[in-house]
């Protein structure tokens, strides 16, 4: 029998190359099948809902008489929240009102002038003094005539002249009083009275504002979240009384790493799930729009998995408002956002 023929070196080399090629093709097919069966998982980011809360404080000190709202109540702008007793404010208001009445009477007197009775009295006084002056003048003329004839002493003539001039001065003064009564107050006096009334009116308005502030009214529409004080307590100026929450002013806060930050530029829109409002098989979703991205990085630092580049990735705070506010949302509720890994920058060294 003939011995089996050994394969030539060329044949062995072809066999080996064929096996290697089959192995490479098999590995490629295996990798493709594995990647198709195990697609990349979405990048999950968790945030929380926030709502605008306003701390209501007292502008004036006083004692709380009544609290007109309770926690959970919905209030409107201008609705009274408390009733306060402040004797100091009441006293100031009464004092200002009395001063206003006095200033108003002074202005009325200046604008209306003297009463008819006062004008008649001034006229009578002028006529009486003028009559006395005329009599003193006639007496002086007779005495002076006798003096010129040598029948009267110079002393008597001088006395008569002095009496005449004195009475004439009184008559002139009385005439001025009568003219002033007819003319009324000067324009300067009227303007001064008006200015005084305006000043007092400002004090009345100030006291009234203080009284209105004591009975504190709501500056916004919202929900009463927390009532801090109790009836009967004395509070000082600036002391917090209660907290109101504006349920229509909502936003979500996310802390995202810088490698996905380009997905949350200003004006970008995304969809988030609210687990607290979701049901099995029915996720509750809301559409959000980014309105703010922090200019500085947050406290969190993500470590790089690729130590060759030795790079860390910072996180940034992103805020976004829902397209429509939902009254069922509460502050602190979680929001889950899922990102498509294909849309994220492939050069990132962070592994999720």
C-alpha atoms as a PDB file:
ATOM      1  CA  UNK A   1       0.000   0.000   0.000  1.00  0.00           C
ATOM      2  CA  UNK A   2       1.120   3.451  -0.725  1.00  0.00           C
ATOM      3  CA  UNK A   3       1.654   5.777   2.291  1.00  0.00           C
ATOM      4  CA  UNK A   4      -0.832   8.732   2.520  1.00  0.00           C
ATOM      5  CA  UNK A   5       0.384  11.828   0.809  1.00  0.00           C
ATOM      6  CA  UNK A   6       1.348  14.663   3.165  1.00  0.00           C
ATOM      7  CA  UNK A   7      -0.279  18.086   2.478  1.00  0.00           C
ATOM      8  CA  UNK A   8       2.009  20.572   0.962  1.00  0.00           C
ATOM      9  CA  UNK A   9       2.999  23.760   2.895  1.00  0.00           C
ATOM     10  CA  UNK A  10       0.899  25.866   0.550  1.00  0.00           C
ATOM     11  CA  UNK A  11      -2.148  23.796   1.280  1.00  0.00           C
ATOM     12  CA  UNK A  12      -1.559  24.027   5.045  1.00  0.00           C
ATOM     13  CA  UNK A  13      -1.226  27.796   4.797  1.00  0.00           C
ATOM     14  CA  UNK A  14      -4.511  28.070   2.857  1.00  0.00           C
ATOM     15  CA  UNK A  15      -6.295  25.905   5.410  1.00  0.00           C
ATOM     16  CA  UNK A  16      -5.012  28.009   8.301  1.00  0.00           C
ATOM     17  CA  UNK A  17      -6.001  31.280   6.593  1.00  0.00           C
ATOM     18  CA  UNK A  18      -9.442  29.888   5.861  1.00  0.00           C
ATOM     19  CA  UNK A  19      -9.933  28.907   9.515  1.00  0.00           C
ATOM     20  CA  UNK A  20      -8.793  32.310  10.716  1.00  0.00           C
ATOM     21  CA  UNK A  21     -11.145  34.072   8.294  1.00  0.00           C
ATOM     22  CA  UNK A  22     -14.068  31.893   9.393  1.00  0.00           C
ATOM     23  CA  UNK A  23     -13.259  32.657  13.037  1.00  0.00           C
ATOM     24  CA  UNK A  24     -13.154  36.429  12.435  1.00  0.00           C
ATOM     25  CA  UNK A  25     -16.446  36.300  10.543  1.00  0.00           C
ATOM     26  CA  UNK A  26     -17.974  34.254  13.346  1.00  0.00           C
ATOM     27  CA  UNK A  27     -16.809  36.780  15.966  1.00  0.00           C
ATOM     28  CA  UNK A  28     -18.270  39.670  13.959  1.00  0.00           C
ATOM     29  CA  UNK A  29     -21.590  37.891  13.557  1.00  0.00           C
ATOM     30  CA  UNK A  30     -21.620  37.050  17.273  1.00  0.00           C
ATOM     31  CA  UNK A  31     -20.941  40.692  18.222  1.00  0.00           C
ATOM     32  CA  UNK A  32     -23.650  41.997  15.930  1.00  0.00           C
ATOM     33  CA  UNK A  33     -26.166  39.546  17.304  1.00  0.00           C
ATOM     34  CA  UNK A  34     -25.227  40.448  20.871  1.00  0.00           C
ATOM     35  CA  UNK A  35     -25.478  44.186  20.254  1.00  0.00           C
ATOM     36  CA  UNK A  36     -28.873  43.760  18.592  1.00  0.00           C
ATOM     37  CA  UNK A  37     -30.128  41.731  21.521  1.00  0.00           C
ATOM     38  CA  UNK A  38     -28.681  44.158  24.125  1.00  0.00           C
ATOM     39  CA  UNK A  39     -29.234  47.738  22.867  1.00  0.00           C
ATOM     40  CA  UNK A  40     -27.729  50.673  24.743  1.00  0.00           C
ATOM     41  CA  UNK A  41     -29.713  51.646  27.799  1.00  0.00           C
ATOM     42  CA  UNK A  42     -31.131  55.181  27.943  1.00  0.00           C
ATOM     43  CA  UNK A  43     -29.405  57.776  30.086  1.00  0.00           C
ATOM     44  CA  UNK A  44     -31.629  58.428  33.093  1.00  0.00           C
ATOM     45  CA  UNK A  45     -31.593  61.785  34.894  1.00  0.00           C
ATOM     46  CA  UNK A  46     -33.676  62.416  38.009  1.00  0.00           C
ATOM     47  CA  UNK A  47     -34.831  65.859  39.113  1.00  0.00           C
ATOM     48  CA  UNK A  48     -37.483  67.324  41.361  1.00  0.00           C
ATOM     49  CA  UNK A  49     -40.360  69.762  41.013  1.00  0.00           C
ATOM     50  CA  UNK A  50     -40.245  73.175  42.646  1.00  0.00           C
ATOM     51  CA  UNK A  51     -42.904  75.846  43.125  1.00  0.00           C
ATOM     52  CA  UNK A  52     -42.686  79.539  44.005  1.00  0.00           C
ATOM     53  CA  UNK A  53     -43.266  80.083  47.723  1.00  0.00           C
ATOM     54  CA  UNK A  54     -43.675  83.504  49.346  1.00  0.00           C
ATOM     55  CA  UNK A  55     -43.102  84.245  53.009  1.00  0.00           C
ATOM     56  CA  UNK A  56     -45.707  86.730  54.289  1.00  0.00           C
ATOM     57  CA  UNK A  57     -44.427  88.997  57.074  1.00  0.00           C
ATOM     58  CA  UNK A  58     -45.965  91.700  59.245  1.00  0.00           C
ATOM     59  CA  UNK A  59     -45.165  95.293  58.287  1.00  0.00           C
ATOM     60  CA  UNK A  60     -46.329  96.748  61.600  1.00  0.00           C
ATOM     61  CA  UNK A  61     -46.241  95.368  65.158  1.00  0.00           C
ATOM     62  CA  UNK A  62     -49.414  94.331  66.978  1.00  0.00           C
ATOM     63  CA  UNK A  63     -51.452  91.543  68.524  1.00  0.00           C
ATOM     64  CA  UNK A  64     -53.100  88.902  66.327  1.00  0.00           C
ATOM     65  CA  UNK A  65     -56.875  88.909  66.883  1.00  0.00           C
ATOM     66  CA  UNK A  66     -57.977  86.493  64.145  1.00  0.00           C
ATOM     67  CA  UNK A  67     -56.398  84.289  61.492  1.00  0.00           C
ATOM     68  CA  UNK A  68     -58.834  84.249  58.583  1.00  0.00           C
ATOM     69  CA  UNK A  69     -57.265  81.383  56.580  1.00  0.00           C
ATOM     70  CA  UNK A  70     -56.051  77.864  57.294  1.00  0.00           C
ATOM     71  CA  UNK A  71     -53.429  75.654  55.709  1.00  0.00           C
ATOM     72  CA  UNK A  72     -54.573  74.345  52.342  1.00  0.00           C
ATOM     73  CA  UNK A  73     -56.901  77.277  51.622  1.00  0.00           C
ATOM     74  CA  UNK A  74     -56.681  78.970  48.246  1.00  0.00           C
ATOM     75  CA  UNK A  75     -56.383  82.761  48.469  1.00  0.00           C
ATOM     76  CA  UNK A  76     -56.610  85.517  45.884  1.00  0.00           C
ATOM     77  CA  UNK A  77     -54.699  88.774  45.548  1.00  0.00           C
ATOM     78  CA  UNK A  78     -55.991  91.333  48.057  1.00  0.00           C
ATOM     79  CA  UNK A  79     -57.746  88.789  50.272  1.00  0.00           C
ATOM     80  CA  UNK A  80     -57.401  89.579  53.988  1.00  0.00           C
ATOM     81  CA  UNK A  81     -55.310  87.014  55.845  1.00  0.00           C
ATOM     82  CA  UNK A  82     -55.348  88.203  59.463  1.00  0.00           C
ATOM     83  CA  UNK A  83     -57.012  90.752  61.715  1.00  0.00           C
ATOM     84  CA  UNK A  84     -54.665  92.606  64.028  1.00  0.00           C
ATOM     85  CA  UNK A  85     -55.165  94.926  67.009  1.00  0.00           C
ATOM     86  CA  UNK A  86     -52.727  97.850  67.157  1.00  0.00           C
ATOM     87  CA  UNK A  87     -53.782 100.655  69.591  1.00  0.00           C
ATOM     88  CA  UNK A  88     -50.776 102.760  68.606  1.00  0.00           C
ATOM     89  CA  UNK A  89     -51.857 102.880  64.964  1.00  0.00           C
ATOM     90  CA  UNK A  90     -55.459 103.690  65.928  1.00  0.00           C
ATOM     91  CA  UNK A  91     -54.293 106.558  68.137  1.00  0.00           C
ATOM     92  CA  UNK A  92     -52.097 107.986  65.387  1.00  0.00           C
ATOM     93  CA  UNK A  93     -54.964 107.783  62.904  1.00  0.00           C
ATOM     94  CA  UNK A  94     -57.375 109.591  65.240  1.00  0.00           C
ATOM     95  CA  UNK A  95     -54.775 112.271  65.923  1.00  0.00           C
ATOM     96  CA  UNK A  96     -54.174 112.788  62.216  1.00  0.00           C
ATOM     97  CA  UNK A  97     -57.922 113.029  61.516  1.00  0.00           C
ATOM     98  CA  UNK A  98     -58.337 115.705  64.202  1.00  0.00           C
ATOM     99  CA  UNK A  99     -55.429 117.698  62.779  1.00  0.00           C
ATOM    100  CA  UNK A 100     -56.986 117.458  59.334  1.00  0.00           C
ATOM    101  CA  UNK A 101     -60.295 118.872  60.575  1.00  0.00           C
ATOM    102  CA  UNK A 102     -58.485 121.820  62.150  1.00  0.00           C
ATOM    103  CA  UNK A 103     -56.439 122.508  59.007  1.00  0.00           C
ATOM    104  CA  UNK A 104     -59.593 122.326  56.884  1.00  0.00           C
ATOM    105  CA  UNK A 105     -61.367 124.895  59.073  1.00  0.00           C
ATOM    106  CA  UNK A 106     -58.397 127.263  58.790  1.00  0.00           C
ATOM    107  CA  UNK A 107     -58.450 126.935  55.021  1.00  0.00           C
ATOM    108  CA  UNK A 108     -62.209 127.551  54.899  1.00  0.00           C
ATOM    109  CA  UNK A 109     -61.778 130.658  56.997  1.00  0.00           C
ATOM    110  CA  UNK A 110     -59.017 131.949  54.723  1.00  0.00           C
ATOM    111  CA  UNK A 111     -60.973 131.235  51.539  1.00  0.00           C
ATOM    112  CA  UNK A 112     -64.337 132.549  52.737  1.00  0.00           C
ATOM    113  CA  UNK A 113     -63.017 135.691  54.435  1.00  0.00           C
ATOM    114  CA  UNK A 114     -64.642 137.452  57.396  1.00  0.00           C
ATOM    115  CA  UNK A 115     -68.288 136.866  58.275  1.00  0.00           C
ATOM    116  CA  UNK A 116     -70.827 139.685  57.694  1.00  0.00           C
ATOM    117  CA  UNK A 117     -71.039 140.269  61.426  1.00  0.00           C
ATOM    118  CA  UNK A 118     -67.267 140.725  61.630  1.00  0.00           C
ATOM    119  CA  UNK A 119     -67.330 143.138  58.675  1.00  0.00           C
ATOM    120  CA  UNK A 120     -70.145 145.143  60.347  1.00  0.00           C
ATOM    121  CA  UNK A 121     -68.260 145.239  63.612  1.00  0.00           C
ATOM    122  CA  UNK A 122     -65.101 146.504  61.870  1.00  0.00           C
ATOM    123  CA  UNK A 123     -67.100 149.179  60.051  1.00  0.00           C
ATOM    124  CA  UNK A 124     -68.759 150.373  63.267  1.00  0.00           C
ATOM    125  CA  UNK A 125     -65.384 150.584  65.004  1.00  0.00           C
ATOM    126  CA  UNK A 126     -63.969 152.613  62.121  1.00  0.00           C
ATOM    127  CA  UNK A 127     -66.925 155.016  62.109  1.00  0.00           C
ATOM    128  CA  UNK A 128     -66.754 155.505  65.894  1.00  0.00           C
ATOM    129  CA  UNK A 129     -63.050 156.255  65.807  1.00  0.00           C
ATOM    130  CA  UNK A 130     -63.513 158.555  62.815  1.00  0.00           C
ATOM    131  CA  UNK A 131     -66.242 160.473  64.686  1.00  0.00           C
ATOM    132  CA  UNK A 132     -63.926 160.891  67.653  1.00  0.00           C
ATOM    133  CA  UNK A 133     -61.191 162.109  65.332  1.00  0.00           C
ATOM    134  CA  UNK A 134     -63.527 164.640  63.701  1.00  0.00           C
ATOM    135  CA  UNK A 135     -64.573 165.925  67.128  1.00  0.00           C
ATOM    136  CA  UNK A 136     -60.963 166.233  68.216  1.00  0.00           C
ATOM    137  CA  UNK A 137     -60.203 168.114  64.999  1.00  0.00           C
ATOM    138  CA  UNK A 138     -62.986 170.635  65.595  1.00  0.00           C
ATOM    139  CA  UNK A 139     -61.822 171.120  69.179  1.00  0.00           C
ATOM    140  CA  UNK A 140     -58.274 171.697  68.040  1.00  0.00           C
ATOM    141  CA  UNK A 141     -59.373 174.259  65.451  1.00  0.00           C
ATOM    142  CA  UNK A 142     -61.336 176.266  68.055  1.00  0.00           C
ATOM    143  CA  UNK A 143     -58.501 176.145  70.575  1.00  0.00           C
ATOM    144  CA  UNK A 144     -55.987 177.154  67.933  1.00  0.00           C
ATOM    145  CA  UNK A 145     -58.210 180.117  66.894  1.00  0.00           C
ATOM    146  CA  UNK A 146     -58.378 181.309  70.497  1.00  0.00           C
ATOM    147  CA  UNK A 147     -54.642 180.826  70.830  1.00  0.00           C
ATOM    148  CA  UNK A 148     -54.008 183.036  67.825  1.00  0.00           C
ATOM    149  CA  UNK A 149     -56.186 185.770  69.383  1.00  0.00           C
ATOM    150  CA  UNK A 150     -54.219 185.515  72.612  1.00  0.00           C
ATOM    151  CA  UNK A 151     -57.126 184.111  74.580  1.00  0.00           C
ATOM    152  CA  UNK A 152     -55.787 180.577  75.067  1.00  0.00           C
ATOM    153  CA  UNK A 153     -52.476 179.310  76.402  1.00  0.00           C
ATOM    154  CA  UNK A 154     -50.095 177.489  74.088  1.00  0.00           C
ATOM    155  CA  UNK A 155     -50.210 174.470  76.370  1.00  0.00           C
ATOM    156  CA  UNK A 156     -53.934 174.010  75.799  1.00  0.00           C
ATOM    157  CA  UNK A 157     -53.503 174.278  72.033  1.00  0.00           C
ATOM    158  CA  UNK A 158     -50.796 171.620  72.022  1.00  0.00           C
ATOM    159  CA  UNK A 159     -52.941 169.295  74.124  1.00  0.00           C
ATOM    160  CA  UNK A 160     -55.849 169.693  71.719  1.00  0.00           C
ATOM    161  CA  UNK A 161     -53.577 168.979  68.735  1.00  0.00           C
ATOM    162  CA  UNK A 162     -52.169 165.852  70.372  1.00  0.00           C
ATOM    163  CA  UNK A 163     -55.682 164.575  71.090  1.00  0.00           C
ATOM    164  CA  UNK A 164     -56.691 165.213  67.490  1.00  0.00           C
ATOM    165  CA  UNK A 165     -53.721 163.321  65.952  1.00  0.00           C
ATOM    166  CA  UNK A 166     -54.181 160.395  68.333  1.00  0.00           C
ATOM    167  CA  UNK A 167     -57.854 160.019  67.474  1.00  0.00           C
ATOM    168  CA  UNK A 168     -57.082 160.327  63.754  1.00  0.00           C
ATOM    169  CA  UNK A 169     -54.509 157.519  64.010  1.00  0.00           C
ATOM    170  CA  UNK A 170     -57.081 155.300  65.700  1.00  0.00           C
ATOM    171  CA  UNK A 171     -59.593 156.068  62.964  1.00  0.00           C
ATOM    172  CA  UNK A 172     -57.045 155.231  60.249  1.00  0.00           C
ATOM    173  CA  UNK A 173     -56.203 151.909  61.944  1.00  0.00           C
ATOM    174  CA  UNK A 174     -59.876 151.044  62.241  1.00  0.00           C
ATOM    175  CA  UNK A 175     -60.371 151.847  58.561  1.00  0.00           C
ATOM    176  CA  UNK A 176     -57.556 149.427  57.652  1.00  0.00           C
ATOM    177  CA  UNK A 177     -59.185 146.695  59.728  1.00  0.00           C
ATOM    178  CA  UNK A 178     -62.467 147.323  57.936  1.00  0.00           C
ATOM    179  CA  UNK A 179     -60.771 147.206  54.502  1.00  0.00           C
ATOM    180  CA  UNK A 180     -59.033 143.917  55.397  1.00  0.00           C
ATOM    181  CA  UNK A 181     -62.355 142.443  56.471  1.00  0.00           C
ATOM    182  CA  UNK A 182     -63.862 143.427  53.127  1.00  0.00           C
ATOM    183  CA  UNK A 183     -60.907 142.104  51.115  1.00  0.00           C
ATOM    184  CA  UNK A 184     -60.504 138.812  52.971  1.00  0.00           C
ATOM    185  CA  UNK A 185     -57.290 136.802  53.497  1.00  0.00           C
ATOM    186  CA  UNK A 186     -54.256 137.345  51.307  1.00  0.00           C
ATOM    187  CA  UNK A 187     -53.386 134.785  48.636  1.00  0.00           C
ATOM    188  CA  UNK A 188     -50.239 133.884  50.575  1.00  0.00           C
ATOM    189  CA  UNK A 189     -52.314 133.045  53.648  1.00  0.00           C
ATOM    190  CA  UNK A 190     -54.659 130.893  51.574  1.00  0.00           C
ATOM    191  CA  UNK A 191     -51.757 128.990  49.965  1.00  0.00           C
ATOM    192  CA  UNK A 192     -50.217 128.484  53.383  1.00  0.00           C
ATOM    193  CA  UNK A 193     -53.467 127.044  54.713  1.00  0.00           C
ATOM    194  CA  UNK A 194     -53.721 124.719  51.721  1.00  0.00           C
ATOM    195  CA  UNK A 195     -50.153 123.518  52.214  1.00  0.00           C
ATOM    196  CA  UNK A 196     -50.875 122.836  55.874  1.00  0.00           C
ATOM    197  CA  UNK A 197     -53.943 120.803  54.915  1.00  0.00           C
ATOM    198  CA  UNK A 198     -51.935 118.785  52.365  1.00  0.00           C
ATOM    199  CA  UNK A 199     -49.307 117.994  54.975  1.00  0.00           C
ATOM    200  CA  UNK A 200     -51.935 116.790  57.432  1.00  0.00           C
ATOM    201  CA  UNK A 201     -53.644 114.727  54.709  1.00  0.00           C
ATOM    202  CA  UNK A 202     -50.324 112.952  54.102  1.00  0.00           C
ATOM    203  CA  UNK A 203     -50.166 112.036  57.795  1.00  0.00           C
ATOM    204  CA  UNK A 204     -53.733 110.723  57.640  1.00  0.00           C
ATOM    205  CA  UNK A 205     -52.851 108.618  54.592  1.00  0.00           C
ATOM    206  CA  UNK A 206     -49.743 107.274  56.317  1.00  0.00           C
ATOM    207  CA  UNK A 207     -51.748 106.260  59.388  1.00  0.00           C
ATOM    208  CA  UNK A 208     -54.449 104.679  57.210  1.00  0.00           C
ATOM    209  CA  UNK A 209     -51.862 102.658  55.270  1.00  0.00           C
ATOM    210  CA  UNK A 210     -50.395 101.427  58.544  1.00  0.00           C
ATOM    211  CA  UNK A 211     -53.861 100.344  59.686  1.00  0.00           C
ATOM    212  CA  UNK A 212     -54.468  98.557  56.372  1.00  0.00           C
ATOM    213  CA  UNK A 213     -51.100  96.830  56.632  1.00  0.00           C
ATOM    214  CA  UNK A 214     -52.017  95.640  60.117  1.00  0.00           C
ATOM    215  CA  UNK A 215     -54.946  93.777  58.570  1.00  0.00           C
ATOM    216  CA  UNK A 216     -52.564  91.985  56.223  1.00  0.00           C
ATOM    217  CA  UNK A 217     -53.778  91.153  52.701  1.00  0.00           C
ATOM    218  CA  UNK A 218     -52.385  88.548  50.324  1.00  0.00           C
ATOM    219  CA  UNK A 219     -49.953  89.926  47.704  1.00  0.00           C
ATOM    220  CA  UNK A 220     -50.354  86.873  45.431  1.00  0.00           C
ATOM    221  CA  UNK A 221     -52.826  84.170  44.497  1.00  0.00           C
ATOM    222  CA  UNK A 222     -51.916  80.740  45.764  1.00  0.00           C
ATOM    223  CA  UNK A 223     -52.289  78.063  48.433  1.00  0.00           C
ATOM    224  CA  UNK A 224     -51.662  78.600  52.157  1.00  0.00           C
ATOM    225  CA  UNK A 225     -48.812  76.182  52.818  1.00  0.00           C
ATOM    226  CA  UNK A 226     -47.898  76.994  56.426  1.00  0.00           C
ATOM    227  CA  UNK A 227     -49.390  79.215  59.172  1.00  0.00           C
ATOM    228  CA  UNK A 228     -46.700  80.113  61.684  1.00  0.00           C
ATOM    229  CA  UNK A 229     -48.474  82.303  64.249  1.00  0.00           C
ATOM    230  CA  UNK A 230     -51.497  81.812  66.528  1.00  0.00           C
ATOM    231  CA  UNK A 231     -54.301  84.165  67.660  1.00  0.00           C
ATOM    232  CA  UNK A 232     -53.356  86.250  70.672  1.00  0.00           C
ATOM    233  CA  UNK A 233     -49.639  86.393  69.891  1.00  0.00           C
ATOM    234  CA  UNK A 234     -47.841  89.729  69.733  1.00  0.00           C
ATOM    235  CA  UNK A 235     -45.634  90.020  66.665  1.00  0.00           C
ATOM    236  CA  UNK A 236     -43.047  92.555  65.636  1.00  0.00           C
ATOM    237  CA  UNK A 237     -42.347  94.218  62.330  1.00  0.00           C
ATOM    238  CA  UNK A 238     -40.933  91.823  59.722  1.00  0.00           C
ATOM    239  CA  UNK A 239     -41.860  88.655  61.638  1.00  0.00           C
ATOM    240  CA  UNK A 240     -43.036  85.852  59.267  1.00  0.00           C
ATOM    241  CA  UNK A 241     -46.730  85.016  59.617  1.00  0.00           C
ATOM    242  CA  UNK A 242     -47.409  82.395  56.946  1.00  0.00           C
ATOM    243  CA  UNK A 243     -46.145  80.931  53.680  1.00  0.00           C
ATOM    244  CA  UNK A 244     -48.075  80.997  50.395  1.00  0.00           C
ATOM    245  CA  UNK A 245     -47.302  78.784  47.393  1.00  0.00           C
ATOM    246  CA  UNK A 246     -48.115  79.773  43.823  1.00  0.00           C
ATOM    247  CA  UNK A 247     -49.110  76.448  42.241  1.00  0.00           C
ATOM    248  CA  UNK A 248     -49.118  78.030  38.788  1.00  0.00           C
ATOM    249  CA  UNK A 249     -45.415  78.886  39.023  1.00  0.00           C
ATOM    250  CA  UNK A 250     -43.771  75.457  38.661  1.00  0.00           C
ATOM    251  CA  UNK A 251     -40.427  74.252  37.356  1.00  0.00           C
ATOM    252  CA  UNK A 252     -38.210  71.185  37.492  1.00  0.00           C
ATOM    253  CA  UNK A 253     -34.590  71.237  38.680  1.00  0.00           C
ATOM    254  CA  UNK A 254     -32.133  68.785  37.120  1.00  0.00           C
ATOM    255  CA  UNK A 255     -28.432  68.284  37.844  1.00  0.00           C
ATOM    256  CA  UNK A 256     -26.866  67.078  34.605  1.00  0.00           C
ATOM    257  CA  UNK A 257     -23.282  66.280  33.744  1.00  0.00           C
ATOM    258  CA  UNK A 258     -21.473  68.471  31.269  1.00  0.00           C
ATOM    259  CA  UNK A 259     -21.278  65.690  28.683  1.00  0.00           C
ATOM    260  CA  UNK A 260     -25.068  65.814  28.212  1.00  0.00           C
ATOM    261  CA  UNK A 261     -25.483  69.520  28.919  1.00  0.00           C
ATOM    262  CA  UNK A 262     -25.861  70.254  25.210  1.00  0.00           C
ATOM    263  CA  UNK A 263     -29.206  68.424  25.366  1.00  0.00           C
ATOM    264  CA  UNK A 264     -30.525  71.106  27.767  1.00  0.00           C
ATOM    265  CA  UNK A 265     -29.740  74.412  26.080  1.00  0.00           C
ATOM    266  CA  UNK A 266     -32.001  77.404  26.691  1.00  0.00           C
ATOM    267  CA  UNK A 267     -35.305  76.822  24.893  1.00  0.00           C
ATOM    268  CA  UNK A 268     -34.751  73.061  24.481  1.00  0.00           C
ATOM    269  CA  UNK A 269     -37.800  70.883  25.129  1.00  0.00           C
ATOM    270  CA  UNK A 270     -37.929  67.415  26.677  1.00  0.00           C
ATOM    271  CA  UNK A 271     -40.402  65.015  28.264  1.00  0.00           C
ATOM    272  CA  UNK A 272     -40.237  63.880  31.878  1.00  0.00           C
ATOM    273  CA  UNK A 273     -42.112  61.247  33.844  1.00  0.00           C
ATOM    274  CA  UNK A 274     -43.629  61.967  37.268  1.00  0.00           C
ATOM    275  CA  UNK A 275     -43.637  58.640  39.183  1.00  0.00           C
ATOM    276  CA  UNK A 276     -45.870  59.973  41.979  1.00  0.00           C
ATOM    277  CA  UNK A 277     -48.706  60.581  39.500  1.00  0.00           C
ATOM    278  CA  UNK A 278     -48.065  57.513  37.328  1.00  0.00           C
ATOM    279  CA  UNK A 279     -50.091  54.294  37.359  1.00  0.00           C
ATOM    280  CA  UNK A 280     -48.984  50.762  36.347  1.00  0.00           C
ATOM    281  CA  UNK A 281     -48.674  50.803  32.580  1.00  0.00           C
ATOM    282  CA  UNK A 282     -49.704  54.483  32.435  1.00  0.00           C
ATOM    283  CA  UNK A 283     -46.709  56.743  33.031  1.00  0.00           C
ATOM    284  CA  UNK A 284     -47.618  60.358  33.790  1.00  0.00           C
ATOM    285  CA  UNK A 285     -45.616  62.554  31.437  1.00  0.00           C
ATOM    286  CA  UNK A 286     -45.106  66.303  31.218  1.00  0.00           C
ATOM    287  CA  UNK A 287     -43.448  68.396  28.551  1.00  0.00           C
ATOM    288  CA  UNK A 288     -40.821  70.869  29.759  1.00  0.00           C
ATOM    289  CA  UNK A 289     -38.925  73.768  28.238  1.00  0.00           C
ATOM    290  CA  UNK A 290     -35.529  74.877  29.574  1.00  0.00           C
ATOM    291  CA  UNK A 291     -35.425  78.479  30.775  1.00  0.00           C
ATOM    292  CA  UNK A 292     -32.179  78.554  32.745  1.00  0.00           C
ATOM    293  CA  UNK A 293     -28.860  76.752  32.827  1.00  0.00           C
ATOM    294  CA  UNK A 294     -26.442  77.537  35.643  1.00  0.00           C
ATOM    295  CA  UNK A 295     -23.347  79.439  34.570  1.00  0.00           C
ATOM    296  CA  UNK A 296     -21.245  77.752  37.269  1.00  0.00           C
ATOM    297  CA  UNK A 297     -20.887  74.048  37.966  1.00  0.00           C
ATOM    298  CA  UNK A 298     -22.691  72.442  40.876  1.00  0.00           C
ATOM    299  CA  UNK A 299     -21.100  70.689  43.841  1.00  0.00           C
ATOM    300  CA  UNK A 300     -21.314  67.188  42.303  1.00  0.00           C
ATOM    301  CA  UNK A 301     -18.319  65.753  40.450  1.00  0.00           C
ATOM    302  CA  UNK A 302     -18.507  62.603  38.311  1.00  0.00           C
ATOM    303  CA  UNK A 303     -15.339  60.510  38.090  1.00  0.00           C
ATOM    304  CA  UNK A 304     -14.098  59.430  34.676  1.00  0.00           C
ATOM    305  CA  UNK A 305     -14.080  55.686  33.937  1.00  0.00           C
ATOM    306  CA  UNK A 306     -11.345  56.114  31.379  1.00  0.00           C
ATOM    307  CA  UNK A 307      -8.343  56.849  33.578  1.00  0.00           C
ATOM    308  CA  UNK A 308      -6.068  57.335  30.581  1.00  0.00           C
ATOM    309  CA  UNK A 309      -7.483  60.825  29.993  1.00  0.00           C
ATOM    310  CA  UNK A 310      -7.662  61.457  33.762  1.00  0.00           C
ATOM    311  CA  UNK A 311     -10.638  63.831  33.402  1.00  0.00           C
ATOM    312  CA  UNK A 312     -13.499  64.585  35.783  1.00  0.00           C
ATOM    313  CA  UNK A 313     -16.899  65.772  34.640  1.00  0.00           C
ATOM    314  CA  UNK A 314     -18.793  68.516  36.478  1.00  0.00           C
ATOM    315  CA  UNK A 315     -22.550  68.745  36.880  1.00  0.00           C
ATOM    316  CA  UNK A 316     -24.700  71.809  36.193  1.00  0.00           C
ATOM    317  CA  UNK A 317     -28.136  72.821  37.431  1.00  0.00           C
ATOM    318  CA  UNK A 318     -30.840  73.074  34.769  1.00  0.00           C
ATOM    319  CA  UNK A 319     -34.306  74.565  35.282  1.00  0.00           C
ATOM    320  CA  UNK A 320     -37.272  73.976  32.983  1.00  0.00           C
ATOM    321  CA  UNK A 321     -40.949  74.948  33.163  1.00  0.00           C
ATOM    322  CA  UNK A 322     -43.815  72.661  32.154  1.00  0.00           C
ATOM    323  CA  UNK A 323     -45.742  73.685  29.067  1.00  0.00           C
ATOM    324  CA  UNK A 324     -48.853  73.661  31.266  1.00  0.00           C
ATOM    325  CA  UNK A 325     -48.883  73.854  35.052  1.00  0.00           C
ATOM    326  CA  UNK A 326     -50.667  70.973  36.772  1.00  0.00           C
ATOM    327  CA  UNK A 327     -52.393  71.629  40.128  1.00  0.00           C
ATOM    328  CA  UNK A 328     -51.736  68.008  41.136  1.00  0.00           C
ATOM    329  CA  UNK A 329     -48.005  68.652  41.177  1.00  0.00           C
ATOM    330  CA  UNK A 330     -46.409  69.200  44.587  1.00  0.00           C
ATOM    331  CA  UNK A 331     -43.047  70.653  45.405  1.00  0.00           C
ATOM    332  CA  UNK A 332     -40.419  67.925  45.799  1.00  0.00           C
ATOM    333  CA  UNK A 333     -42.001  65.363  43.456  1.00  0.00           C
ATOM    334  CA  UNK A 334     -39.449  63.414  41.425  1.00  0.00           C
ATOM    335  CA  UNK A 335     -39.181  63.825  37.649  1.00  0.00           C
ATOM    336  CA  UNK A 336     -37.365  61.187  35.554  1.00  0.00           C
ATOM    337  CA  UNK A 337     -35.889  62.163  32.177  1.00  0.00           C
ATOM    338  CA  UNK A 338     -34.541  59.559  29.757  1.00  0.00           C
ATOM    339  CA  UNK A 339     -32.047  60.537  27.040  1.00  0.00           C
ATOM    340  CA  UNK A 340     -31.203  58.591  23.905  1.00  0.00           C
ATOM    341  CA  UNK A 341     -27.504  57.615  24.133  1.00  0.00           C
ATOM    342  CA  UNK A 342     -27.144  58.108  20.386  1.00  0.00           C
ATOM    343  CA  UNK A 343     -27.947  61.797  20.798  1.00  0.00           C
ATOM    344  CA  UNK A 344     -25.241  62.248  23.432  1.00  0.00           C
ATOM    345  CA  UNK A 345     -21.687  63.171  22.550  1.00  0.00           C
ATOM    346  CA  UNK A 346     -19.802  59.922  21.899  1.00  0.00           C
ATOM    347  CA  UNK A 347     -16.495  61.410  23.061  1.00  0.00           C
ATOM    348  CA  UNK A 348     -17.599  61.325  26.699  1.00  0.00           C
ATOM    349  CA  UNK A 349     -15.510  59.274  29.121  1.00  0.00           C
ATOM    350  CA  UNK A 350     -18.450  58.782  31.474  1.00  0.00           C
ATOM    351  CA  UNK A 351     -20.090  55.370  31.557  1.00  0.00           C
ATOM    352  CA  UNK A 352     -23.704  55.035  32.668  1.00  0.00           C
END
